Protein backbone atom coordinates (compact mmCIF):
# COMPACT_ATOMS: atom_id res chain seq x y z
CA ILE A 1 -118.76 76.29 101.63
CA GLY A 2 -121.83 77.72 100.14
CA VAL A 3 -124.19 78.09 102.62
CA PRO A 4 -122.06 81.44 103.87
CA ALA A 5 -121.49 82.20 99.92
CA LEU A 6 -124.76 82.66 99.47
CA ALA A 7 -125.36 84.15 102.32
CA ALA A 8 -123.44 86.86 101.66
CA LEU A 9 -124.38 87.53 98.43
CA ILE A 10 -127.79 87.40 100.06
CA CYS A 11 -126.67 90.50 101.65
CA GLY A 12 -125.33 92.20 99.11
CA ILE A 13 -128.73 91.96 97.08
CA PHE A 14 -130.08 93.67 100.29
CA TRP A 15 -127.32 96.44 100.26
CA GLU A 16 -127.58 96.69 97.44
CA LEU A 17 -131.16 97.02 97.36
CA TRP A 18 -130.81 99.63 100.04
CA ASN A 19 -128.46 101.65 98.64
CA TRP A 20 -130.24 102.21 94.89
CA LYS A 21 -132.76 105.32 96.23
CA SER A 22 -130.99 106.05 99.09
CA LEU A 23 -129.87 110.05 99.22
CA ALA A 24 -125.82 109.64 99.68
CA HIS A 25 -125.81 106.27 97.28
CA TRP A 26 -122.49 104.12 96.06
CA GLU A 27 -122.62 105.30 92.07
CA TYR A 28 -120.83 102.84 90.46
CA ALA A 29 -118.97 103.21 86.58
CA LEU A 30 -117.34 100.83 85.45
CA PRO A 31 -116.22 100.71 81.27
CA PHE A 32 -117.31 97.02 80.03
CA VAL A 33 -118.75 95.72 83.11
CA HIS A 34 -121.75 98.18 83.74
CA ARG A 35 -123.89 96.65 80.85
CA PHE A 36 -125.94 94.89 83.42
CA PRO A 37 -126.72 96.47 86.88
CA LEU A 38 -129.18 94.74 89.68
CA PHE A 39 -129.94 98.06 91.96
CA GLU A 40 -126.97 100.38 91.04
CA MET A 41 -123.92 97.38 91.57
CA PRO A 42 -123.38 95.67 87.69
CA LEU A 43 -124.22 92.14 88.15
CA LEU A 44 -120.48 90.68 87.84
CA GLY A 45 -120.04 93.04 90.88
CA TYR A 46 -122.00 90.63 93.30
CA ALA A 47 -119.57 87.80 92.62
CA GLY A 48 -117.72 89.67 95.22
CA TYR A 49 -119.64 88.76 98.20
CA LEU A 50 -119.04 84.93 97.39
CA PRO A 51 -115.48 85.34 99.30
CA PHE A 52 -117.09 87.37 101.18
CA GLY A 53 -118.95 85.13 103.04
CA LEU A 54 -116.42 83.20 103.25
CA GLU A 55 -114.12 85.70 104.26
CA CYS A 56 -116.47 85.53 107.33
CA VAL A 57 -116.54 82.66 108.09
CA VAL A 58 -112.33 82.63 108.60
CA VAL A 59 -112.78 85.80 110.97
CA ALA A 60 -115.66 84.21 112.71
CA ASP A 61 -114.25 80.72 113.51
CA LEU A 62 -110.43 82.50 114.54
CA CYS A 63 -112.39 84.96 117.43
CA LEU A 64 -114.44 81.29 118.27
CA ARG A 65 -110.82 80.00 118.66
CA ARG A 66 -108.99 82.16 120.60
CA GLN A 67 -112.10 83.19 122.93
CA VAL A 68 -112.23 79.04 123.27
CA SER A 69 -108.41 79.25 124.20
CA GLY A 70 -108.68 82.09 126.04
CA GLY A 71 -107.38 84.94 124.40
CA VAL A 72 -103.51 85.45 123.21
CA GLU A 73 -100.76 83.83 125.12
CA TYR A 74 -97.51 86.42 125.68
CA ASP A 75 -94.22 83.86 125.70
CA THR A 76 -92.24 85.60 128.53
CA HIS A 77 -88.93 83.43 128.49
CA GLU A 78 -86.03 85.02 126.93
C-alpha cells in the first residue's frame, strides 16, 4: 500500500515542478490552505496524490484481471 502511494506522491511533486514555471500553468486560490505552498500547490494538496496512487493500482489490477480472463463475457441466455 505504501509503495504506490509514495510513487504517486513523487510523481505529483514532479508534475507540480513542471507546472510551476510553465507559461500555461495551474494557479491555486484556496483560502486558509494556501499558506504553505510548494511550487504552486499548497502543501496540504499533495495529500491527494496518496489515494490517487492506490486508485491507479486498483484500476491496473482490474485491467490485468480482465485481460487474463479473456475480456468481458456476456450472458446470452434469455
